[in-house]
Amino acid sequence: MTKITKFPSALISGDCTTSSLTLDGGSIIDQCIVTAGERGTFFLEQHLLYVVLGGSVRLTCGRQSWTVGKNQMILLRRAQSVSYEKQGSEETGIFESQLFAINDELLKDFLTSQQVVIPAMTEEYGAQVSPMSERLVAYCWSLSPYFNDPSQVNPGLLRLKVMELLYNVMDCSKNIFRQMLQLRQPVKTDIHRVVEENYTSPISLDELAYLSGRSLSSFKREFQDIYGEPPARWIREKRLSKAQQMLRSSSLSVADVAYSLGFENPTHFSRIFKQQYGYAPSQS
């Protein structure tokens, strides 16, 4: 069982060789080169533009899966858990990618500079694999020298490079650009689907509300109407019930079960499990 790694605050773990460019103290672009197959899961703290330059990656988020191949990209919204399985190219056996963390501030700066009027969103534009233009591919490869000595990259230049990325994406993919507009004004989605697909992630109520396209107060109120109890209590009981089932029916360790269900601390998980069921999870 692979522990969920937060992106971009922690680099993806495993056999992956990564370099990171940072802006305002946070990781903004990660470069990944893998010489063997790799699997794992990460939780998106920021919106993620995933660009593949060599090989392919299988991404799964909730009930959806995508395969992103060479010179293709996909945009994923923040506050979601994404599992990945990487494959090297047939020619070299190497997988290469760049991961761009697109935070709300950068997106706002870009849309403001473009003077884009964001219309009311009446439908949801889902994640979709999009081909990269020749210009966008060349842009990504032009970043390679920046990773050789990240500490020497001027923050002002890096911000301009991120703006350049967004300009290229806007010209290259209408679908991803519509997604970017929607990130600033999420469409209301079914609360039941949002919580059922994300309750095992290390996700906050603020983030669940964001994914549902609602304010926190509206989310709590509508959740209470649907489930008859506060969301925090429901999520905790749902996770513990699933944990009890997994401990009885599998050989997974207590820590593996805890991590797989969104608990970041196995000790805390063990304590609340015992409070709920009267015995330690190790005794299941």
Protein backbone atom coordinates (compact mmCIF):
# COMPACT_ATOMS: atom_id res chain seq x y z
CA MET A 1 0.00 0.00 0.00
CA THR A 2 1.42 3.39 -1.04
CA LYS A 3 1.05 6.35 1.26
CA ILE A 4 -0.73 9.33 -0.26
CA THR A 5 1.82 12.02 -1.10
CA LYS A 6 0.70 15.64 -1.15
CA PHE A 7 1.45 17.64 -4.30
CA PRO A 8 3.10 20.07 -4.57
CA SER A 9 4.23 20.36 -0.93
CA ALA A 10 6.03 17.02 -1.17
CA LEU A 11 7.65 15.55 -4.23
CA ILE A 12 6.28 12.28 -5.52
CA SER A 13 8.10 9.40 -3.87
CA GLY A 14 9.41 6.15 -5.32
CA ASP A 15 11.97 5.49 -8.05
CA CYS A 16 11.36 8.92 -9.52
CA THR A 17 14.18 11.40 -10.00
CA THR A 18 12.67 14.83 -9.46
CA SER A 19 13.79 18.42 -9.63
CA SER A 20 11.61 21.28 -8.52
CA LEU A 21 11.30 24.97 -9.33
CA THR A 22 9.73 27.03 -6.57
CA LEU A 23 7.87 30.32 -6.54
CA ASP A 24 6.80 32.22 -3.40
CA GLY A 25 8.19 29.40 -1.25
CA GLY A 26 6.14 26.66 -2.89
CA SER A 27 6.85 24.06 -5.54
CA ILE A 28 5.48 25.23 -8.88
CA ILE A 29 7.05 22.92 -11.50
CA ASP A 30 8.33 19.39 -10.94
CA GLN A 31 10.33 17.44 -13.47
CA CYS A 32 10.15 13.65 -13.27
CA ILE A 33 12.36 11.08 -15.01
CA VAL A 34 11.70 7.39 -14.37
CA THR A 35 13.70 4.46 -15.69
CA ALA A 36 11.24 1.80 -14.48
CA GLY A 37 7.51 1.40 -13.93
CA GLU A 38 6.22 3.27 -10.90
CA ARG A 39 2.91 3.40 -9.07
CA GLY A 40 1.62 5.65 -6.34
CA THR A 41 -1.01 8.10 -5.20
CA PHE A 42 -0.90 11.82 -4.62
CA PHE A 43 -3.36 14.32 -3.20
CA LEU A 44 -3.63 17.58 -5.14
CA GLU A 45 -3.24 20.66 -2.97
CA GLN A 46 -3.23 22.80 -6.14
CA HIS A 47 -4.61 22.40 -9.64
CA LEU A 48 -2.28 20.17 -11.65
CA LEU A 49 -1.36 20.43 -15.31
CA TYR A 50 0.28 17.07 -16.05
CA VAL A 51 2.46 17.07 -19.18
CA VAL A 52 4.01 13.88 -20.58
CA LEU A 53 7.12 14.21 -22.74
CA GLY A 54 8.10 10.55 -22.97
CA GLY A 55 6.35 7.25 -22.23
CA SER A 56 2.83 7.26 -20.79
CA VAL A 57 0.99 7.43 -17.47
CA ARG A 58 -2.32 5.94 -16.37
CA LEU A 59 -4.15 8.32 -14.01
CA THR A 60 -7.19 7.36 -11.94
CA CYS A 61 -9.34 9.79 -9.97
CA GLY A 62 -12.54 8.45 -8.43
CA ARG A 63 -14.41 6.57 -11.13
CA GLN A 64 -12.48 8.14 -14.00
CA SER A 65 -9.24 7.01 -15.63
CA TRP A 66 -7.11 8.50 -18.37
CA THR A 67 -3.98 7.42 -20.21
CA VAL A 68 -1.73 10.37 -21.04
CA GLY A 69 0.85 9.62 -23.72
CA LYS A 70 3.86 11.39 -25.19
CA ASN A 71 3.23 15.05 -26.00
CA GLN A 72 -0.16 15.03 -24.32
CA MET A 73 -1.48 16.80 -21.22
CA ILE A 74 -4.37 16.87 -18.76
CA LEU A 75 -5.61 19.40 -16.21
CA LEU A 76 -6.88 18.09 -12.85
CA ARG A 77 -8.63 20.14 -10.18
CA ARG A 78 -7.20 20.48 -6.70
CA ALA A 79 -8.50 18.64 -3.60
CA GLN A 80 -8.55 15.21 -5.25
CA SER A 81 -6.57 12.00 -4.83
CA VAL A 82 -5.00 10.70 -8.04
CA SER A 83 -3.32 7.33 -8.46
CA TYR A 84 -0.73 6.90 -11.19
CA GLU A 85 1.07 4.12 -13.02
CA LYS A 86 3.95 5.17 -15.28
CA GLN A 87 5.41 3.35 -18.26
CA GLY A 88 8.62 4.15 -20.10
CA SER A 89 8.75 4.61 -23.85
CA GLU A 90 9.30 1.56 -26.06
CA GLU A 91 12.47 3.09 -27.47
CA THR A 92 14.30 4.09 -24.27
CA GLY A 93 12.29 2.66 -21.40
CA ILE A 94 12.28 6.15 -19.84
CA PHE A 95 9.25 8.10 -18.65
CA GLU A 96 9.53 11.90 -18.62
CA SER A 97 7.00 14.43 -17.44
CA GLN A 98 6.55 17.91 -16.05
CA LEU A 99 3.98 18.72 -13.38
CA PHE A 100 2.78 22.31 -13.15
CA ALA A 101 1.04 23.42 -9.95
CA ILE A 102 -1.46 26.09 -10.95
CA ASN A 103 -2.59 27.98 -7.86
CA ASP A 104 -5.51 30.38 -7.71
CA GLU A 105 -3.29 33.47 -7.52
CA LEU A 106 -1.38 32.64 -10.71
CA LEU A 107 -4.60 31.77 -12.51
CA LYS A 108 -6.21 35.04 -11.40
CA ASP A 109 -3.17 37.04 -12.54
CA PHE A 110 -3.28 35.38 -15.93
CA LEU A 111 -7.01 35.85 -16.48
CA THR A 112 -6.77 39.48 -15.34
CA SER A 113 -3.87 40.22 -17.71
CA GLN A 114 -5.91 38.70 -20.54
CA GLN A 115 -8.98 40.67 -19.40
CA VAL A 116 -11.02 37.49 -19.75
CA VAL A 117 -14.67 37.86 -18.82
CA ILE A 118 -15.60 34.65 -17.01
CA PRO A 119 -19.17 33.69 -17.94
CA ALA A 120 -21.51 31.87 -15.59
CA MET A 121 -20.75 28.15 -15.87
CA THR A 122 -23.89 26.11 -16.59
CA GLU A 123 -22.16 22.81 -17.31
CA GLU A 124 -19.09 21.05 -15.99
CA TYR A 125 -16.07 20.66 -18.26
CA GLY A 126 -14.42 17.47 -17.12
CA ALA A 127 -10.77 16.53 -17.30
CA GLN A 128 -9.73 15.37 -20.75
CA VAL A 129 -6.47 14.32 -22.37
CA SER A 130 -5.41 16.94 -24.91
CA PRO A 131 -2.62 16.92 -27.51
CA MET A 132 0.15 19.47 -27.11
CA SER A 133 1.06 21.84 -29.92
CA GLU A 134 4.57 21.86 -31.33
CA ARG A 135 5.12 25.22 -29.65
CA LEU A 136 4.02 23.93 -26.25
CA VAL A 137 6.27 20.86 -26.53
CA ALA A 138 9.21 23.14 -27.38
CA TYR A 139 8.35 25.35 -24.40
CA CYS A 140 8.46 22.39 -21.99
CA TRP A 141 11.83 21.21 -23.28
CA SER A 142 13.14 24.77 -22.94
CA LEU A 143 12.67 24.46 -19.17
CA SER A 144 15.25 21.66 -18.88
CA PRO A 145 18.23 23.98 -18.15
CA TYR A 146 16.26 25.62 -15.33
CA PHE A 147 16.26 22.35 -13.38
CA ASN A 148 20.06 22.09 -13.46
CA ASP A 149 20.40 24.81 -10.81
CA PRO A 150 16.97 25.86 -9.53
CA SER A 151 18.40 28.14 -6.84
CA GLN A 152 19.75 30.48 -9.52
CA VAL A 153 16.41 30.97 -11.30
CA ASN A 154 15.08 34.50 -10.76
CA PRO A 155 11.54 34.44 -9.27
CA GLY A 156 10.39 37.15 -11.66
CA LEU A 157 11.59 35.13 -14.65
CA LEU A 158 9.94 31.99 -13.32
CA ARG A 159 6.62 33.82 -12.93
CA LEU A 160 6.91 34.98 -16.55
CA LYS A 161 7.63 31.40 -17.66
CA VAL A 162 4.46 30.20 -15.91
CA MET A 163 2.48 32.97 -17.63
CA GLU A 164 4.03 31.85 -20.93
CA LEU A 165 2.83 28.32 -20.20
CA LEU A 166 -0.73 29.51 -19.65
CA TYR A 167 -0.68 31.53 -22.89
CA ASN A 168 0.48 28.45 -24.79
CA VAL A 169 -2.17 26.25 -23.18
CA MET A 170 -4.90 28.79 -23.99
CA ASP A 171 -3.89 28.77 -27.65
CA CYS A 172 -3.37 24.99 -27.77
CA SER A 173 -6.46 23.52 -26.09
CA LYS A 174 -9.90 25.09 -25.90
CA ASN A 175 -11.06 22.33 -23.55
CA ILE A 176 -8.34 22.96 -20.99
CA PHE A 177 -8.86 26.72 -21.24
CA ARG A 178 -12.57 26.23 -20.47
CA GLN A 179 -11.54 24.13 -17.50
CA MET A 180 -9.27 26.95 -16.32
CA LEU A 181 -12.18 29.39 -16.48
CA GLN A 182 -14.29 26.94 -14.50
CA LEU A 183 -11.61 26.63 -11.79
CA ARG A 184 -12.39 30.21 -10.83
CA GLN A 185 -16.13 29.51 -10.69
CA PRO A 186 -16.81 25.81 -10.02
CA VAL A 187 -20.10 24.36 -11.25
CA LYS A 188 -22.40 22.90 -8.61
CA THR A 189 -22.12 19.11 -8.63
CA ASP A 190 -23.95 16.36 -6.79
CA ILE A 191 -22.92 16.32 -3.11
CA HIS A 192 -23.49 12.57 -2.83
CA ARG A 193 -21.05 11.88 -5.71
CA VAL A 194 -18.44 14.30 -4.36
CA VAL A 195 -18.31 12.81 -0.85
CA GLU A 196 -18.56 9.17 -1.97
CA GLU A 197 -15.61 9.61 -4.36
CA ASN A 198 -13.42 11.61 -1.96
CA TYR A 199 -14.07 10.57 1.63
CA THR A 200 -10.97 8.34 1.67
CA SER A 201 -8.72 11.27 0.72
CA PRO A 202 -6.94 13.53 3.24
CA ILE A 203 -9.46 16.22 2.35
CA SER A 204 -10.87 19.09 4.40
CA LEU A 205 -14.49 20.23 4.47
CA ASP A 206 -13.44 23.45 2.71
CA GLU A 207 -12.00 21.36 -0.12
CA LEU A 208 -15.09 19.15 -0.35
CA ALA A 209 -17.24 22.28 -0.54
CA TYR A 210 -14.99 23.61 -3.32
CA LEU A 211 -15.31 20.38 -5.30
CA SER A 212 -19.10 20.57 -5.00
CA GLY A 213 -19.15 24.18 -6.23
CA ARG A 214 -20.60 25.52 -2.98
CA SER A 215 -19.61 27.74 -0.11
CA LEU A 216 -18.69 25.92 3.10
CA SER A 217 -21.89 26.99 4.83
CA SER A 218 -24.07 25.89 1.90
CA PHE A 219 -22.24 22.57 1.69
CA LYS A 220 -22.74 21.84 5.40
CA ARG A 221 -26.40 22.79 5.24
CA GLU A 222 -27.18 20.69 2.17
CA PHE A 223 -25.14 17.76 3.49
CA GLN A 224 -27.12 17.82 6.74
CA ASP A 225 -30.36 17.79 4.75
CA ILE A 226 -29.22 14.79 2.68
CA TYR A 227 -27.50 12.61 5.29
CA GLY A 228 -29.13 13.80 8.52
CA GLU A 229 -25.80 14.46 10.27
CA PRO A 230 -22.80 16.82 10.00
CA PRO A 231 -20.29 15.96 7.25
CA ALA A 232 -17.29 15.61 9.61
CA ARG A 233 -19.07 12.96 11.67
CA TRP A 234 -20.33 11.10 8.59
CA ILE A 235 -16.86 11.01 6.99
CA ARG A 236 -15.23 9.77 10.19
CA GLU A 237 -17.79 6.98 10.70
CA LYS A 238 -17.63 6.01 7.01
CA ARG A 239 -13.84 5.75 7.12
CA LEU A 240 -13.84 3.74 10.35
CA SER A 241 -16.47 1.34 9.04
CA LYS A 242 -14.46 0.80 5.87
CA ALA A 243 -11.31 0.32 7.96
CA GLN A 244 -12.98 -2.34 10.10
CA GLN A 245 -14.05 -4.18 6.96
CA MET A 246 -10.56 -4.01 5.42
CA LEU A 247 -8.83 -5.19 8.58
CA ARG A 248 -11.13 -8.22 8.80
CA SER A 249 -10.95 -9.20 5.13
CA SER A 250 -7.33 -8.47 4.16
CA SER A 251 -3.78 -8.88 5.40
CA LEU A 252 -3.00 -5.18 5.20
CA SER A 253 -1.23 -3.62 8.17
CA VAL A 254 -2.93 -1.07 10.40
CA ALA A 255 -0.75 1.69 8.91
CA ASP A 256 -1.59 0.66 5.33
CA VAL A 257 -5.31 0.71 6.08
CA ALA A 258 -5.00 4.10 7.79
CA TYR A 259 -3.13 5.67 4.87
CA SER A 260 -5.44 4.15 2.25
CA LEU A 261 -8.47 5.75 3.94
CA GLY A 262 -7.04 9.25 4.23
CA PHE A 263 -5.74 9.11 7.82
CA GLU A 264 -2.36 10.83 7.89
CA ASN A 265 -1.37 9.49 11.31
CA PRO A 266 -1.76 5.75 12.11
CA THR A 267 -1.52 6.48 15.86
CA HIS A 268 -4.48 8.87 15.67
CA PHE A 269 -6.36 6.32 13.56
CA SER A 270 -5.77 3.58 16.14
CA ARG A 271 -6.99 5.82 18.95
CA ILE A 272 -10.29 6.82 17.32
CA PHE A 273 -10.84 3.26 16.05
CA LYS A 274 -10.64 1.95 19.60
CA GLN A 275 -12.98 4.70 20.79
CA GLN A 276 -15.49 3.67 18.14
CA TYR A 277 -15.36 -0.13 18.46
CA GLY A 278 -13.89 -0.78 21.91
CA TYR A 279 -10.82 -2.66 20.69
CA ALA A 280 -7.59 -1.80 18.88
CA PRO A 281 -7.43 -2.21 15.08
CA SER A 282 -4.52 -4.63 15.54
CA GLN A 283 -6.99 -6.99 17.24
CA SER A 284 -9.31 -7.16 14.23
